[in-house]
Amino acid sequence: MHGWQRGGIDYVQARKLFIKAAESNNPVAIYNLGHIYNYGLGIPRDDVQAATWYSKAEDLGSMSARNSLALFYAKG
């Protein structure tokens, strides 16, 4: 997400690009959407959206999403 830009990460723009990539069932983009919602990066934190995106990424075989989802539920 950093690239060669100066300054911080533009999470609002990243979210838009991840949504576009998620339309093609890209598991990395879908996982990253879960991460953005889980931690409230550039948007308000949303547990329902985080779990939804992590679950979709897990269904597509993302082990990172599986781990994040397990931690998400373990923390309550």
PDB file of N, CA and C in Angstrom:
ATOM      1  N   MET A   1       0.808  -1.191   0.000  1.00  0.00           N
ATOM      2  CA  MET A   1       0.000   0.000   0.000  1.00  0.00           C
ATOM      3  C   MET A   1       0.858   1.264   0.000  1.00  0.00           C
ATOM      4  N   HIS A   2       2.126   1.170   0.332  1.00  0.00           N
ATOM      5  CA  HIS A   2       2.949   2.365   0.452  1.00  0.00           C
ATOM      6  C   HIS A   2       3.462   2.873  -0.889  1.00  0.00           C
ATOM      7  N   GLY A   3       4.043   2.011  -1.693  1.00  0.00           N
ATOM      8  CA  GLY A   3       4.596   2.436  -2.968  1.00  0.00           C
ATOM      9  C   GLY A   3       5.686   3.482  -2.776  1.00  0.00           C
ATOM     10  N   TRP A   4       5.788   4.391  -3.709  1.00  0.00           N
ATOM     11  CA  TRP A   4       6.822   5.425  -3.667  1.00  0.00           C
ATOM     12  C   TRP A   4       6.289   6.766  -3.194  1.00  0.00           C
ATOM     13  N   GLN A   5       5.054   6.811  -2.753  1.00  0.00           N
ATOM     14  CA  GLN A   5       4.486   8.088  -2.328  1.00  0.00           C
ATOM     15  C   GLN A   5       5.147   8.592  -1.062  1.00  0.00           C
ATOM     16  N   ARG A   6       5.095   9.866  -0.891  1.00  0.00           N
ATOM     17  CA  ARG A   6       5.608  10.464   0.342  1.00  0.00           C
ATOM     18  C   ARG A   6       4.455  10.624   1.318  1.00  0.00           C
ATOM     19  N   GLY A   7       4.779  10.585   2.575  1.00  0.00           N
ATOM     20  CA  GLY A   7       3.739  10.748   3.584  1.00  0.00           C
ATOM     21  C   GLY A   7       3.146   9.412   3.981  1.00  0.00           C
ATOM     22  N   GLY A   8       2.002   9.485   4.619  1.00  0.00           N
ATOM     23  CA  GLY A   8       1.354   8.291   5.141  1.00  0.00           C
ATOM     24  C   GLY A   8       0.556   7.542   4.089  1.00  0.00           C
ATOM     25  N   ILE A   9       0.000   6.451   4.505  1.00  0.00           N
ATOM     26  CA  ILE A   9      -0.817   5.621   3.631  1.00  0.00           C
ATOM     27  C   ILE A   9      -2.199   6.248   3.488  1.00  0.00           C
ATOM     28  N   ASP A  10      -2.700   6.297   2.278  1.00  0.00           N
ATOM     29  CA  ASP A  10      -4.036   6.823   2.008  1.00  0.00           C
ATOM     30  C   ASP A  10      -5.019   5.646   2.070  1.00  0.00           C
ATOM     31  N   TYR A  11      -5.532   5.371   3.267  1.00  0.00           N
ATOM     32  CA  TYR A  11      -6.415   4.222   3.456  1.00  0.00           C
ATOM     33  C   TYR A  11      -7.756   4.386   2.754  1.00  0.00           C
ATOM     34  N   VAL A  12      -8.207   5.613   2.581  1.00  0.00           N
ATOM     35  CA  VAL A  12      -9.471   5.843   1.877  1.00  0.00           C
ATOM     36  C   VAL A  12      -9.326   5.403   0.420  1.00  0.00           C
ATOM     37  N   GLN A  13      -8.222   5.807  -0.213  1.00  0.00           N
ATOM     38  CA  GLN A  13      -7.972   5.400  -1.597  1.00  0.00           C
ATOM     39  C   GLN A  13      -7.698   3.898  -1.674  1.00  0.00           C
ATOM     40  N   ALA A  14      -6.942   3.371  -0.722  1.00  0.00           N
ATOM     41  CA  ALA A  14      -6.646   1.935  -0.707  1.00  0.00           C
ATOM     42  C   ALA A  14      -7.935   1.128  -0.625  1.00  0.00           C
ATOM     43  N   ARG A  15      -8.865   1.563   0.227  1.00  0.00           N
ATOM     44  CA  ARG A  15     -10.148   0.864   0.372  1.00  0.00           C
ATOM     45  C   ARG A  15     -10.897   0.838  -0.953  1.00  0.00           C
ATOM     46  N   LYS A  16     -10.915   1.965  -1.655  1.00  0.00           N
ATOM     47  CA  LYS A  16     -11.593   2.015  -2.953  1.00  0.00           C
ATOM     48  C   LYS A  16     -10.981   1.018  -3.937  1.00  0.00           C
ATOM     49  N   LEU A  17      -9.655   0.952  -3.960  1.00  0.00           N
ATOM     50  CA  LEU A  17      -8.972   0.031  -4.875  1.00  0.00           C
ATOM     51  C   LEU A  17      -9.180  -1.425  -4.467  1.00  0.00           C
ATOM     52  N   PHE A  18      -9.183  -1.693  -3.169  1.00  0.00           N
ATOM     53  CA  PHE A  18      -9.436  -3.059  -2.705  1.00  0.00           C
ATOM     54  C   PHE A  18     -10.855  -3.501  -3.041  1.00  0.00           C
ATOM     55  N   ILE A  19     -11.822  -2.592  -2.932  1.00  0.00           N
ATOM     56  CA  ILE A  19     -13.204  -2.932  -3.294  1.00  0.00           C
ATOM     57  C   ILE A  19     -13.279  -3.305  -4.771  1.00  0.00           C
ATOM     58  N   LYS A  20     -12.586  -2.543  -5.603  1.00  0.00           N
ATOM     59  CA  LYS A  20     -12.574  -2.843  -7.039  1.00  0.00           C
ATOM     60  C   LYS A  20     -11.947  -4.215  -7.297  1.00  0.00           C
ATOM     61  N   ALA A  21     -10.837  -4.509  -6.630  1.00  0.00           N
ATOM     62  CA  ALA A  21     -10.179  -5.806  -6.795  1.00  0.00           C
ATOM     63  C   ALA A  21     -11.022  -6.932  -6.208  1.00  0.00           C
ATOM     64  N   ALA A  22     -11.761  -6.646  -5.148  1.00  0.00           N
ATOM     65  CA  ALA A  22     -12.613  -7.665  -4.515  1.00  0.00           C
ATOM     66  C   ALA A  22     -13.727  -8.117  -5.446  1.00  0.00           C
ATOM     67  N   GLU A  23     -14.131  -7.256  -6.371  1.00  0.00           N
ATOM     68  CA  GLU A  23     -15.165  -7.628  -7.339  1.00  0.00           C
ATOM     69  C   GLU A  23     -14.718  -8.796  -8.216  1.00  0.00           C
ATOM     70  N   SER A  24     -13.396  -8.999  -8.312  1.00  0.00           N
ATOM     71  CA  SER A  24     -12.837 -10.123  -9.073  1.00  0.00           C
ATOM     72  C   SER A  24     -12.474 -11.287  -8.163  1.00  0.00           C
ATOM     73  N   ASN A  25     -12.991 -11.264  -6.931  1.00  0.00           N
ATOM     74  CA  ASN A  25     -12.707 -12.307  -5.935  1.00  0.00           C
ATOM     75  C   ASN A  25     -11.218 -12.458  -5.645  1.00  0.00           C
ATOM     76  N   ASN A  26     -10.517 -11.341  -5.552  1.00  0.00           N
ATOM     77  CA  ASN A  26      -9.107 -11.351  -5.197  1.00  0.00           C
ATOM     78  C   ASN A  26      -9.005 -11.526  -3.683  1.00  0.00           C
ATOM     79  N   PRO A  27      -8.495 -12.684  -3.207  1.00  0.00           N
ATOM     80  CA  PRO A  27      -8.494 -12.941  -1.763  1.00  0.00           C
ATOM     81  C   PRO A  27      -7.616 -11.984  -0.965  1.00  0.00           C
ATOM     82  N   VAL A  28      -6.538 -11.488  -1.561  1.00  0.00           N
ATOM     83  CA  VAL A  28      -5.668 -10.549  -0.847  1.00  0.00           C
ATOM     84  C   VAL A  28      -6.396  -9.224  -0.638  1.00  0.00           C
ATOM     85  N   ALA A  29      -7.067  -8.741  -1.662  1.00  0.00           N
ATOM     86  CA  ALA A  29      -7.831  -7.496  -1.546  1.00  0.00           C
ATOM     87  C   ALA A  29      -8.957  -7.655  -0.533  1.00  0.00           C
ATOM     88  N   ILE A  30      -9.627  -8.790  -0.573  1.00  0.00           N
ATOM     89  CA  ILE A  30     -10.739  -9.041   0.345  1.00  0.00           C
ATOM     90  C   ILE A  30     -10.232  -9.115   1.784  1.00  0.00           C
ATOM     91  N   TYR A  31      -9.101  -9.791   1.988  1.00  0.00           N
ATOM     92  CA  TYR A  31      -8.483  -9.840   3.314  1.00  0.00           C
ATOM     93  C   TYR A  31      -8.128  -8.426   3.793  1.00  0.00           C
ATOM     94  N   ASN A  32      -7.534  -7.629   2.899  1.00  0.00           N
ATOM     95  CA  ASN A  32      -7.147  -6.269   3.274  1.00  0.00           C
ATOM     96  C   ASN A  32      -8.350  -5.413   3.638  1.00  0.00           C
ATOM     97  N   LEU A  33      -9.479  -5.638   3.001  1.00  0.00           N
ATOM     98  CA  LEU A  33     -10.704  -4.929   3.390  1.00  0.00           C
ATOM     99  C   LEU A  33     -11.102  -5.310   4.816  1.00  0.00           C
ATOM    100  N   GLY A  34     -11.000  -6.590   5.150  1.00  0.00           N
ATOM    101  CA  GLY A  34     -11.269  -7.015   6.519  1.00  0.00           C
ATOM    102  C   GLY A  34     -10.359  -6.317   7.507  1.00  0.00           C
ATOM    103  N   HIS A  35      -9.091  -6.204   7.138  1.00  0.00           N
ATOM    104  CA  HIS A  35      -8.102  -5.547   7.993  1.00  0.00           C
ATOM    105  C   HIS A  35      -8.444  -4.066   8.186  1.00  0.00           C
ATOM    106  N   ILE A  36      -8.819  -3.399   7.107  1.00  0.00           N
ATOM    107  CA  ILE A  36      -9.180  -1.982   7.184  1.00  0.00           C
ATOM    108  C   ILE A  36     -10.369  -1.772   8.118  1.00  0.00           C
ATOM    109  N   TYR A  37     -11.388  -2.624   7.986  1.00  0.00           N
ATOM    110  CA  TYR A  37     -12.566  -2.488   8.855  1.00  0.00           C
ATOM    111  C   TYR A  37     -12.267  -2.916  10.289  1.00  0.00           C
ATOM    112  N   ASN A  38     -11.447  -3.934  10.462  1.00  0.00           N
ATOM    113  CA  ASN A  38     -11.116  -4.426  11.796  1.00  0.00           C
ATOM    114  C   ASN A  38     -10.382  -3.371  12.620  1.00  0.00           C
ATOM    115  N   TYR A  39      -9.488  -2.634  11.973  1.00  0.00           N
ATOM    116  CA  TYR A  39      -8.681  -1.654  12.695  1.00  0.00           C
ATOM    117  C   TYR A  39      -9.144  -0.209  12.493  1.00  0.00           C
ATOM    118  N   GLY A  40     -10.188  -0.008  11.687  1.00  0.00           N
ATOM    119  CA  GLY A  40     -10.693   1.346  11.466  1.00  0.00           C
ATOM    120  C   GLY A  40      -9.677   2.246  10.786  1.00  0.00           C
ATOM    121  N   LEU A  41      -9.068   1.739   9.728  1.00  0.00           N
ATOM    122  CA  LEU A  41      -8.033   2.490   9.018  1.00  0.00           C
ATOM    123  C   LEU A  41      -8.667   3.387   7.957  1.00  0.00           C
ATOM    124  N   GLY A  42      -8.749   4.663   8.242  1.00  0.00           N
ATOM    125  CA  GLY A  42      -9.333   5.622   7.319  1.00  0.00           C
ATOM    126  C   GLY A  42     -10.850   5.675   7.351  1.00  0.00           C
ATOM    127  N   ILE A  43     -11.453   4.826   8.135  1.00  0.00           N
ATOM    128  CA  ILE A  43     -12.913   4.745   8.284  1.00  0.00           C
ATOM    129  C   ILE A  43     -13.220   4.347   9.724  1.00  0.00           C
ATOM    130  N   PRO A  44     -14.462   4.496  10.166  1.00  0.00           N
ATOM    131  CA  PRO A  44     -14.812   4.001  11.503  1.00  0.00           C
ATOM    132  C   PRO A  44     -14.688   2.469  11.560  1.00  0.00           C
ATOM    133  N   ARG A  45     -14.251   1.968  12.690  1.00  0.00           N
ATOM    134  CA  ARG A  45     -14.124   0.524  12.895  1.00  0.00           C
ATOM    135  C   ARG A  45     -15.505  -0.118  12.793  1.00  0.00           C
ATOM    136  N   ASP A  46     -15.566  -1.284  12.114  1.00  0.00           N
ATOM    137  CA  ASP A  46     -16.849  -1.963  11.909  1.00  0.00           C
ATOM    138  C   ASP A  46     -16.628  -3.471  12.014  1.00  0.00           C
ATOM    139  N   ASP A  47     -16.991  -4.047  13.167  1.00  0.00           N
ATOM    140  CA  ASP A  47     -16.768  -5.474  13.408  1.00  0.00           C
ATOM    141  C   ASP A  47     -17.538  -6.362  12.443  1.00  0.00           C
ATOM    142  N   VAL A  48     -18.748  -5.979  12.099  1.00  0.00           N
ATOM    143  CA  VAL A  48     -19.565  -6.797  11.189  1.00  0.00           C
ATOM    144  C   VAL A  48     -18.913  -6.855   9.813  1.00  0.00           C
ATOM    145  N   GLN A  49     -18.498  -5.697   9.307  1.00  0.00           N
ATOM    146  CA  GLN A  49     -17.839  -5.663   8.000  1.00  0.00           C
ATOM    147  C   GLN A  49     -16.510  -6.419   8.040  1.00  0.00           C
ATOM    148  N   ALA A  50     -15.753  -6.259   9.114  1.00  0.00           N
ATOM    149  CA  ALA A  50     -14.470  -6.956   9.237  1.00  0.00           C
ATOM    150  C   ALA A  50     -14.673  -8.464   9.160  1.00  0.00           C
ATOM    151  N   ALA A  51     -15.608  -8.982   9.941  1.00  0.00           N
ATOM    152  CA  ALA A  51     -15.869 -10.426   9.941  1.00  0.00           C
ATOM    153  C   ALA A  51     -16.366 -10.899   8.579  1.00  0.00           C
ATOM    154  N   THR A  52     -17.192 -10.091   7.928  1.00  0.00           N
ATOM    155  CA  THR A  52     -17.720 -10.457   6.610  1.00  0.00           C
ATOM    156  C   THR A  52     -16.599 -10.581   5.592  1.00  0.00           C
ATOM    157  N   TRP A  53     -15.712  -9.583   5.541  1.00  0.00           N
ATOM    158  CA  TRP A  53     -14.620  -9.616   4.566  1.00  0.00           C
ATOM    159  C   TRP A  53     -13.611 -10.707   4.894  1.00  0.00           C
ATOM    160  N   TYR A  54     -13.275 -10.886   6.166  1.00  0.00           N
ATOM    161  CA  TYR A  54     -12.361 -11.965   6.543  1.00  0.00           C
ATOM    162  C   TYR A  54     -12.947 -13.321   6.150  1.00  0.00           C
ATOM    163  N   SER A  55     -14.232 -13.518   6.381  1.00  0.00           N
ATOM    164  CA  SER A  55     -14.888 -14.790   6.034  1.00  0.00           C
ATOM    165  C   SER A  55     -14.855 -15.044   4.533  1.00  0.00           C
ATOM    166  N   LYS A  56     -15.099 -14.004   3.744  1.00  0.00           N
ATOM    167  CA  LYS A  56     -15.047 -14.153   2.282  1.00  0.00           C
ATOM    168  C   LYS A  56     -13.645 -14.533   1.827  1.00  0.00           C
ATOM    169  N   ALA A  57     -12.639 -13.888   2.406  1.00  0.00           N
ATOM    170  CA  ALA A  57     -11.256 -14.197   2.040  1.00  0.00           C
ATOM    171  C   ALA A  57     -10.889 -15.617   2.465  1.00  0.00           C
ATOM    172  N   GLU A  58     -11.362 -16.028   3.628  1.00  0.00           N
ATOM    173  CA  GLU A  58     -11.106 -17.397   4.088  1.00  0.00           C
ATOM    174  C   GLU A  58     -11.744 -18.399   3.139  1.00  0.00           C
ATOM    175  N   ASP A  59     -12.954 -18.123   2.689  1.00  0.00           N
ATOM    176  CA  ASP A  59     -13.636 -19.007   1.738  1.00  0.00           C
ATOM    177  C   ASP A  59     -12.850 -19.153   0.439  1.00  0.00           C
ATOM    178  N   LEU A  60     -12.060 -18.134   0.110  1.00  0.00           N
ATOM    179  CA  LEU A  60     -11.239 -18.176  -1.103  1.00  0.00           C
ATOM    180  C   LEU A  60      -9.848 -18.748  -0.841  1.00  0.00           C
ATOM    181  N   GLY A  61      -9.625 -19.262   0.373  1.00  0.00           N
ATOM    182  CA  GLY A  61      -8.385 -19.956   0.689  1.00  0.00           C
ATOM    183  C   GLY A  61      -7.307 -19.137   1.369  1.00  0.00           C
ATOM    184  N   SER A  62      -7.623 -17.947   1.844  1.00  0.00           N
ATOM    185  CA  SER A  62      -6.623 -17.108   2.495  1.00  0.00           C
ATOM    186  C   SER A  62      -6.357 -17.587   3.921  1.00  0.00           C
ATOM    187  N   MET A  63      -5.134 -18.061   4.150  1.00  0.00           N
ATOM    188  CA  MET A  63      -4.758 -18.485   5.498  1.00  0.00           C
ATOM    189  C   MET A  63      -4.611 -17.279   6.430  1.00  0.00           C
ATOM    190  N   SER A  64      -4.178 -16.152   5.891  1.00  0.00           N
ATOM    191  CA  SER A  64      -4.084 -14.933   6.705  1.00  0.00           C
ATOM    192  C   SER A  64      -5.457 -14.538   7.221  1.00  0.00           C
ATOM    193  N   ALA A  65      -6.460 -14.657   6.359  1.00  0.00           N
ATOM    194  CA  ALA A  65      -7.826 -14.336   6.773  1.00  0.00           C
ATOM    195  C   ALA A  65      -8.315 -15.319   7.823  1.00  0.00           C
ATOM    196  N   ARG A  66      -7.966 -16.584   7.659  1.00  0.00           N
ATOM    197  CA  ARG A  66      -8.367 -17.591   8.653  1.00  0.00           C
ATOM    198  C   ARG A  66      -7.779 -17.247  10.014  1.00  0.00           C
ATOM    199  N   ASN A  67      -6.498 -16.889  10.037  1.00  0.00           N
ATOM    200  CA  ASN A  67      -5.845 -16.526  11.298  1.00  0.00           C
ATOM    201  C   ASN A  67      -6.450 -15.263  11.896  1.00  0.00           C
ATOM    202  N   SER A  68      -6.676 -14.257  11.058  1.00  0.00           N
ATOM    203  CA  SER A  68      -7.257 -13.001  11.546  1.00  0.00           C
ATOM    204  C   SER A  68      -8.667 -13.208  12.072  1.00  0.00           C
ATOM    205  N   LEU A  69      -9.431 -14.044  11.390  1.00  0.00           N
ATOM    206  CA  LEU A  69     -10.797 -14.322  11.827  1.00  0.00           C
ATOM    207  C   LEU A  69     -10.795 -15.059  13.165  1.00  0.00           C
ATOM    208  N   ALA A  70      -9.869 -16.005  13.329  1.00  0.00           N
ATOM    209  CA  ALA A  70      -9.763 -16.730  14.598  1.00  0.00           C
ATOM    210  C   ALA A  70      -9.417 -15.768  15.735  1.00  0.00           C
ATOM    211  N   LEU A  71      -8.455 -14.877  15.506  1.00  0.00           N
ATOM    212  CA  LEU A  71      -8.089 -13.893  16.527  1.00  0.00           C
ATOM    213  C   LEU A  71      -9.237 -12.925  16.799  1.00  0.00           C
ATOM    214  N   PHE A  72      -9.935 -12.553  15.749  1.00  0.00           N
ATOM    215  CA  PHE A  72     -11.076 -11.651  15.861  1.00  0.00           C
ATOM    216  C   PHE A  72     -12.125 -12.241  16.804  1.00  0.00           C
ATOM    217  N   TYR A  73     -12.460 -13.513  16.604  1.00  0.00           N
ATOM    218  CA  TYR A  73     -13.468 -14.158  17.450  1.00  0.00           C
ATOM    219  C   TYR A  73     -12.929 -14.481  18.840  1.00  0.00           C
ATOM    220  N   ALA A  74     -11.634 -14.774  18.946  1.00  0.00           N
ATOM    221  CA  ALA A  74     -11.047 -15.075  20.249  1.00  0.00           C
ATOM    222  C   ALA A  74     -11.071 -13.850  21.169  1.00  0.00           C
ATOM    223  N   LYS A  75     -10.897 -12.673  20.574  1.00  0.00           N
ATOM    224  CA  LYS A  75     -10.903 -11.437  21.364  1.00  0.00           C
ATOM    225  C   LYS A  75     -12.313 -10.999  21.741  1.00  0.00           C
ATOM    226  N   GLY A  76     -13.303 -11.539  21.019  1.00  0.00           N
ATOM    227  CA  GLY A  76     -14.699 -11.230  21.338  1.00  0.00           C
ATOM    228  C   GLY A  76     -15.121  -9.944  20.822  1.00  0.00           C
TER     229      GLY A  76
END
